[in-house]
Amino acid sequence: MAQIPEKLQETIDNLALFPDRASRIELLMATADSFKPVPEEVAKRPFKEERRVKGCESEAFVFPVQREDGRLDFHFAVENPQGISAMAMARILQDSCSGAPLEQVIAVPQDIVYKIFGEELSMGKNMGLTNMVFMVQNEARKQQAGETGSEQ
């Protein structure tokens, strides 16, 4: 079984150093503050509906861009300016999965959202964030299968 991207494991390990909820929230808010929305050369508004993350309350979109080596870079848009968790998740996925081997992106476990945000997440927020992970994995699967997954 493939390992998850090294940068994602480092993020999880770093978050484990902050077992109390308040410190973890502060760290995730700082991560959200560093979120960079999709550049216009990758995608422009209005974004295509097929790029929208289903069930995400923060109106997140995922944009894969193929690299020359066949790996993907992931870009995100989060349309709700109060979508702090979505921005943090987008930043983490962008930093850790962009350029990673596709099999590692596909191997990201389903419980990664709880490992990052903790067990206190609401059902709705968990669903949206988990769907962000699924969408990134699905783009990696399509790329691995030779389908064109990087159209905007």
Foldseek 3Di string as FASTA:
>chain_A
DDAAFPLLVVLLVVLVVPPDQVVLVVVLLVLLVPQDADDVVQPDPPGDPVQFQPLAPQGKGWAWDADPVLFTQIGMDGNRPPPSNLSSLRSSCRVRRGPGQLVNLLPDDLCSSCSRNNPPDDPSNSSRSSSVSVVSNVLSVCSVVVHPSRDD
